[in-house]
Protein backbone atom coordinates (compact mmCIF):
# COMPACT_ATOMS: atom_id res chain seq x y z
CA UNK A 1 15.67 31.08 3.98
CA UNK A 2 15.64 29.10 7.23
CA UNK A 3 18.75 26.93 7.40
CA UNK A 4 19.63 23.85 9.44
CA UNK A 5 22.58 21.63 10.21
CA UNK A 6 20.99 18.13 10.17
CA UNK A 7 22.42 17.29 13.59
CA UNK A 8 20.77 20.38 15.12
CA UNK A 9 17.20 19.12 14.62
CA UNK A 10 15.60 15.82 15.59
CA UNK A 11 15.54 12.87 13.23
CA UNK A 12 11.71 12.99 12.92
CA UNK A 13 11.91 16.69 12.03
CA UNK A 14 14.59 16.07 9.40
CA UNK A 15 12.69 13.05 8.11
CA UNK A 16 9.59 15.22 7.60
CA UNK A 17 11.58 17.90 5.78
CA UNK A 18 13.19 15.34 3.47
CA UNK A 19 9.88 13.67 2.61
CA UNK A 20 8.08 16.98 2.23
CA UNK A 21 10.61 18.46 -0.15
CA UNK A 22 11.85 15.52 -2.23
CA UNK A 23 9.06 14.09 -4.34
CA UNK A 24 6.96 12.81 -5.88
CA UNK A 25 8.73 9.56 -5.07
CA UNK A 26 7.94 6.32 -6.93
CA UNK A 27 6.77 3.42 -4.79
CA UNK A 28 8.39 -0.01 -4.63
CA UNK A 29 5.62 -2.36 -3.52
CA UNK A 30 7.99 -5.07 -2.28
CA UNK A 31 6.94 -8.69 -1.89
CA UNK A 32 9.26 -11.01 0.04
CA UNK A 33 9.23 -14.32 1.89
CA UNK A 34 11.06 -15.42 5.03
CA UNK A 35 12.96 -18.66 5.52
CA UNK A 36 9.73 -20.58 6.19
CA UNK A 37 8.02 -19.16 3.07
CA UNK A 38 5.72 -16.79 4.96
CA UNK A 39 4.80 -13.90 2.67
CA UNK A 40 5.28 -10.20 3.39
CA UNK A 41 4.15 -7.20 1.33
CA UNK A 42 5.07 -3.59 2.06
CA UNK A 43 5.57 -0.29 0.16
CA UNK A 44 8.75 1.84 0.12
CA UNK A 45 9.12 5.29 -1.43
CA UNK A 46 12.89 5.49 -1.03
CA UNK A 47 13.12 3.83 -4.46
CA UNK A 48 14.19 4.23 -8.06
CA UNK A 49 15.73 2.54 -11.11
CA UNK A 50 19.47 3.10 -11.62
CA UNK A 51 20.60 0.98 -14.55
CA UNK A 52 19.22 -0.72 -17.66
CA UNK A 53 22.19 -2.96 -18.48
CA UNK A 54 22.21 -4.70 -16.08
CA UNK A 55 18.64 -3.73 -15.00
CA UNK A 56 19.12 -2.49 -11.44
CA UNK A 57 16.60 -1.04 -8.98
CA UNK A 58 17.33 0.14 -5.45
CA UNK A 59 14.91 0.61 -2.56
CA UNK A 60 15.60 1.36 1.09
CA UNK A 61 13.74 -0.13 4.07
CA UNK A 62 15.01 2.31 6.68
CA UNK A 63 15.40 1.48 10.36
CA UNK A 64 12.37 2.76 12.26
CA UNK A 65 12.95 6.23 13.67
CA UNK A 66 10.95 5.69 16.86
CA UNK A 67 12.63 2.52 18.14
CA UNK A 68 15.51 1.68 15.75
CA UNK A 69 14.08 -1.70 14.74
CA UNK A 70 14.33 -3.19 11.25
CA UNK A 71 11.49 -4.14 8.94
CA UNK A 72 10.45 -7.62 7.87
CA UNK A 73 11.17 -6.77 4.23
CA UNK A 74 14.80 -6.02 5.02
CA UNK A 75 15.18 -9.13 7.16
CA UNK A 76 13.65 -11.29 4.40
CA UNK A 77 15.91 -9.80 1.72
CA UNK A 78 18.94 -10.47 3.91
CA UNK A 79 17.96 -14.12 4.35
CA UNK A 80 16.51 -15.14 0.96
CA UNK A 81 18.12 -12.65 -1.48
CA UNK A 82 14.88 -12.39 -3.50
CA UNK A 83 12.15 -9.76 -3.91
CA UNK A 84 9.37 -8.81 -6.30
CA UNK A 85 8.94 -5.08 -6.91
CA UNK A 86 5.39 -4.26 -7.99
CA UNK A 87 4.52 -0.78 -9.26
CA UNK A 88 1.54 1.04 -7.74
CA UNK A 89 -1.24 2.66 -9.73
CA UNK A 90 -4.27 4.55 -8.48
CA UNK A 91 -6.54 1.50 -8.56
CA UNK A 92 -4.64 -0.15 -5.68
CA UNK A 93 -3.39 2.85 -3.70
CA UNK A 94 -5.70 2.33 -0.70
CA UNK A 95 -4.88 -1.36 -0.46
CA UNK A 96 -1.18 -0.56 -0.81
CA UNK A 97 -1.48 1.93 2.04
CA UNK A 98 -3.29 -0.61 4.22
CA UNK A 99 -0.47 -3.11 3.66
CA UNK A 100 1.97 -0.68 5.31
CA UNK A 101 0.28 -1.30 8.66
CA UNK A 102 2.80 -2.85 11.04
CA UNK A 103 1.14 -6.22 11.46
CA UNK A 104 3.07 -8.83 13.49
CA UNK A 105 5.52 -11.16 11.78
CA UNK A 106 3.75 -14.02 10.04
CA UNK A 107 0.68 -11.96 9.07
CA UNK A 108 0.21 -12.05 5.31
CA UNK A 109 -0.34 -8.49 4.04
CA UNK A 110 -1.73 -9.86 0.78
CA UNK A 111 -4.67 -11.17 2.77
CA UNK A 112 -4.98 -8.07 4.95
CA UNK A 113 -4.99 -5.74 1.94
CA UNK A 114 -7.24 -7.95 -0.18
CA UNK A 115 -4.68 -8.15 -2.98
CA UNK A 116 -4.12 -11.31 -5.00
CA UNK A 117 -0.99 -13.45 -4.74
CA UNK A 118 0.33 -14.51 -8.14
CA UNK A 119 3.13 -17.08 -8.38
CA UNK A 120 6.40 -15.77 -9.74
CA UNK A 121 8.35 -17.73 -12.36
CA UNK A 122 11.94 -17.36 -11.13
CA UNK A 123 11.76 -16.33 -7.44
CA UNK A 124 9.79 -17.43 -4.38
CA UNK A 125 8.06 -14.14 -3.44
CA UNK A 126 4.62 -13.73 -5.01
CA UNK A 127 3.63 -10.97 -7.41
CA UNK A 128 0.70 -8.60 -6.81
CA UNK A 129 -1.75 -9.64 -9.53
CA UNK A 130 -3.44 -6.22 -9.51
CA UNK A 131 -0.17 -4.34 -10.11
CA UNK A 132 0.21 -3.29 -13.76
CA UNK A 133 3.98 -4.05 -13.85
CA UNK A 134 5.85 -6.57 -11.71
CA UNK A 135 9.61 -7.15 -11.50
CA UNK A 136 11.04 -10.42 -10.25
CA UNK A 137 14.44 -9.62 -8.75
CA UNK A 138 17.44 -11.13 -7.04
CA UNK A 139 19.14 -9.11 -4.33
CA UNK A 140 22.74 -8.44 -5.35
CA UNK A 141 23.79 -6.46 -2.30
CA UNK A 142 22.47 -4.67 0.78
CA UNK A 143 24.32 -1.57 1.92
CA UNK A 144 23.61 -0.41 5.49
CA UNK A 145 23.89 3.38 5.76
CA UNK A 146 23.96 3.53 9.55
CA UNK A 147 22.95 1.85 12.78
CA UNK A 148 20.64 4.47 14.31
CA UNK A 149 16.90 4.99 13.85
CA UNK A 150 16.18 6.45 10.42
CA UNK A 151 19.24 4.90 8.77
CA UNK A 152 18.57 3.49 5.33
CA UNK A 153 19.51 0.10 3.92
CA UNK A 154 20.07 0.12 0.17
CA UNK A 155 18.64 -3.11 -1.28
CA UNK A 156 20.28 -3.36 -4.70
CA UNK A 157 18.11 -5.57 -6.91
CA UNK A 158 18.75 -7.02 -10.35
CA UNK A 159 15.67 -7.63 -12.48
CA UNK A 160 15.36 -11.24 -13.64
CA UNK A 161 11.94 -11.06 -15.30
CA UNK A 162 9.36 -8.37 -16.08
CA UNK A 163 5.57 -8.82 -16.29
CA UNK A 164 3.46 -6.07 -17.91
CA UNK A 165 -0.28 -5.69 -18.38
CA UNK A 166 -0.60 -6.01 -22.16
CA UNK A 167 -3.31 -3.36 -22.33
CA UNK A 168 -0.69 -0.77 -21.36
CA UNK A 169 1.72 -1.58 -24.19
CA UNK A 170 1.90 0.23 -27.51
CA UNK A 171 2.95 -1.53 -30.71
CA UNK A 172 6.57 -0.43 -30.22
CA UNK A 173 6.74 -1.94 -26.70
CA UNK A 174 6.32 1.35 -24.84
CA UNK A 175 4.05 1.83 -21.84
CA UNK A 176 1.12 4.24 -22.23
CA UNK A 177 1.84 6.81 -19.53
CA UNK A 178 -1.80 7.90 -19.25
CA UNK A 179 -3.20 4.40 -18.94
CA UNK A 180 -0.74 3.12 -16.35
CA UNK A 181 -2.04 5.79 -13.92
CA UNK A 182 0.93 5.66 -11.53
CA UNK A 183 0.93 7.21 -8.07
CA UNK A 184 3.85 8.52 -6.03
CA UNK A 185 4.50 9.59 -2.43
CA UNK A 186 4.89 13.10 -1.16
CA UNK A 187 5.04 14.43 2.41
CA UNK A 188 2.59 13.57 5.20
CA UNK A 189 -0.56 11.90 3.93
CA UNK A 190 -0.10 13.29 0.43
CA UNK A 191 0.31 11.37 -2.80
CA UNK A 192 0.58 12.46 -6.41
CA UNK A 193 -1.42 10.84 -9.18
CA UNK A 194 0.69 11.22 -12.30
CA UNK A 195 -2.17 12.11 -14.64
CA UNK A 196 -4.39 14.00 -12.17
CA UNK A 197 -2.52 15.70 -9.31
CA UNK A 198 -2.36 15.52 -5.51
CA UNK A 199 -4.64 13.58 -3.15
CA UNK A 200 -4.57 12.35 0.46
CA UNK A 201 -4.52 8.84 1.90
CA UNK A 202 -4.87 8.41 5.65
CA UNK A 203 -1.80 6.75 7.11
CA UNK A 204 -2.51 3.41 8.80
CA UNK A 205 0.83 3.13 10.59
CA UNK A 206 -0.39 4.16 14.06
CA UNK A 207 -3.19 1.63 14.22
CA UNK A 208 -3.94 -1.94 13.20
CA UNK A 209 -6.72 -1.97 10.64
CA UNK A 210 -8.96 -5.04 10.67
CA UNK A 211 -7.86 -5.82 7.11
CA UNK A 212 -9.83 -6.67 3.99
CA UNK A 213 -9.77 -10.34 5.00
CA UNK A 214 -12.06 -9.50 7.97
CA UNK A 215 -14.70 -7.76 5.84
CA UNK A 216 -17.88 -9.88 5.48
CA UNK A 217 -17.92 -11.86 2.25
CA UNK A 218 -21.02 -10.19 0.79
CA UNK A 219 -19.22 -6.84 1.09
CA UNK A 220 -15.76 -8.07 0.09
CA UNK A 221 -17.13 -9.60 -3.13
CA UNK A 222 -19.29 -6.59 -3.97
CA UNK A 223 -19.94 -5.78 -7.63
CA UNK A 224 -19.96 -2.09 -6.68
CA UNK A 225 -17.15 -1.50 -4.21
CA UNK A 226 -13.65 -1.14 -5.67
CA UNK A 227 -10.33 -2.33 -4.28
CA UNK A 228 -9.69 1.19 -3.01
CA UNK A 229 -13.09 1.15 -1.28
CA UNK A 230 -12.23 -2.15 0.41
CA UNK A 231 -8.84 -0.74 1.41
CA UNK A 232 -10.56 2.11 3.24
CA UNK A 233 -13.03 -0.24 4.92
CA UNK A 234 -10.19 -2.51 6.05
CA UNK A 235 -8.29 0.38 7.59
CA UNK A 236 -10.57 0.76 10.62
CA UNK A 237 -9.55 -0.58 14.01
CA UNK A 238 -13.05 -1.76 14.90
CA UNK A 239 -16.52 -1.83 13.38
CA UNK A 240 -19.25 0.48 14.69
CA UNK A 241 -21.51 -1.08 17.31
CA UNK A 242 -25.14 -2.04 16.69
CA UNK A 243 -26.22 0.90 18.82
CA UNK A 244 -24.06 3.36 16.86
CA UNK A 245 -25.32 1.96 13.57
CA UNK A 246 -28.98 2.11 14.62
CA UNK A 247 -28.65 5.72 15.84
CA UNK A 248 -26.95 6.78 12.59
CA UNK A 249 -29.62 5.12 10.42
CA UNK A 250 -32.37 6.85 12.40
CA UNK A 251 -30.68 10.27 12.32
CA UNK A 252 -29.99 10.10 8.59
CA UNK A 253 -33.43 8.69 7.79
CA UNK A 254 -31.89 5.66 6.10
CA UNK A 255 -34.26 3.05 7.47
CA UNK A 256 -34.78 1.69 3.97
CA UNK A 257 -31.28 0.22 4.13
CA UNK A 258 -32.09 -1.62 7.33
CA UNK A 259 -34.98 -3.28 5.55
CA UNK A 260 -33.72 -3.94 2.02
CA UNK A 261 -32.03 -7.10 0.82
CA UNK A 262 -30.65 -5.27 -2.21
CA UNK A 263 -26.93 -5.15 -1.51
CA UNK A 264 -26.21 -3.13 -4.65
CA UNK A 265 -28.24 -0.14 -3.45
CA UNK A 266 -26.68 -0.38 0.00
CA UNK A 267 -23.19 -0.55 -1.48
CA UNK A 268 -23.79 2.42 -3.78
CA UNK A 269 -24.78 4.60 -0.82
CA UNK A 270 -21.86 3.34 1.24
CA UNK A 271 -19.57 4.19 -1.66
CA UNK A 272 -20.80 7.79 -1.60
CA UNK A 273 -19.67 8.03 2.04
CA UNK A 274 -16.35 6.42 1.16
CA UNK A 275 -15.80 8.97 -1.60
CA UNK A 276 -16.09 11.63 1.10
CA UNK A 277 -13.72 9.63 3.35
CA UNK A 278 -16.51 9.08 5.88
CA UNK A 279 -15.47 5.47 6.39
CA UNK A 280 -17.25 4.73 9.67
CA UNK A 281 -20.51 6.10 8.25
CA UNK A 282 -20.05 3.87 5.21
CA UNK A 283 -19.68 0.91 7.56
CA UNK A 284 -22.92 1.90 9.33
CA UNK A 285 -24.80 1.80 6.02
CA UNK A 286 -23.27 -1.56 5.18
CA UNK A 287 -24.12 -3.02 8.60
CA UNK A 288 -27.65 -1.62 8.81
CA UNK A 289 -30.23 -4.32 9.43
């Protein structure tokens, strides 16, 4: 065994060890609003449920390790005392990941991730319509665990109302654990799909993806491309140039896609590249003309 005293290694090193060894961790996809009703949406894997009576959940937006700043979610919870916790299944994992990009204050991550805002009944923050289970909560208390970078802030939430996709419910009001298809965080880029196993999602935190809202409408409303596909496409910093696209089409002998008006065929081929995580190449197919 290799042993450490936490203070003898750097906070990033300890952070990596903690995340790499404690998991899979459920994800609180937290929706909040600020004092001027601007919406924010961000995922947190320091999260779990701790009580059923009263129904209590706790998640922790930690202070950023690199510069000791706080996150908009925490600031909103401090000011408004309300949050919606949406659970994350595989169908929205790429869009969820894209929403974790550190966009400036005032940018609506619902729009950037291409997810749908759904009005809540009892609180101001919106629900994620695509999430299979959504919890409207009031914030009972926030416990700061420290003042240095990496310090957590326990947001203690009481559930006021629950919304569940009816297709997931059995006759005795239980949730079908295969159908809900939950995902959880592990270390690095790794996630765990509850009914399948491990998979990778590229982290968007070090760059600003263009967002799903900047994808051309004919692509964004595709009958072929899924929400996860759009999440990958929105997680690029810039689109390939015309020259790059033309060269790729010529090299891959894909001239037919520069000539066709059949978006479905173009989108099917682009989806094949996306399935191999060749996102820029997928963009080149989509932009060929």
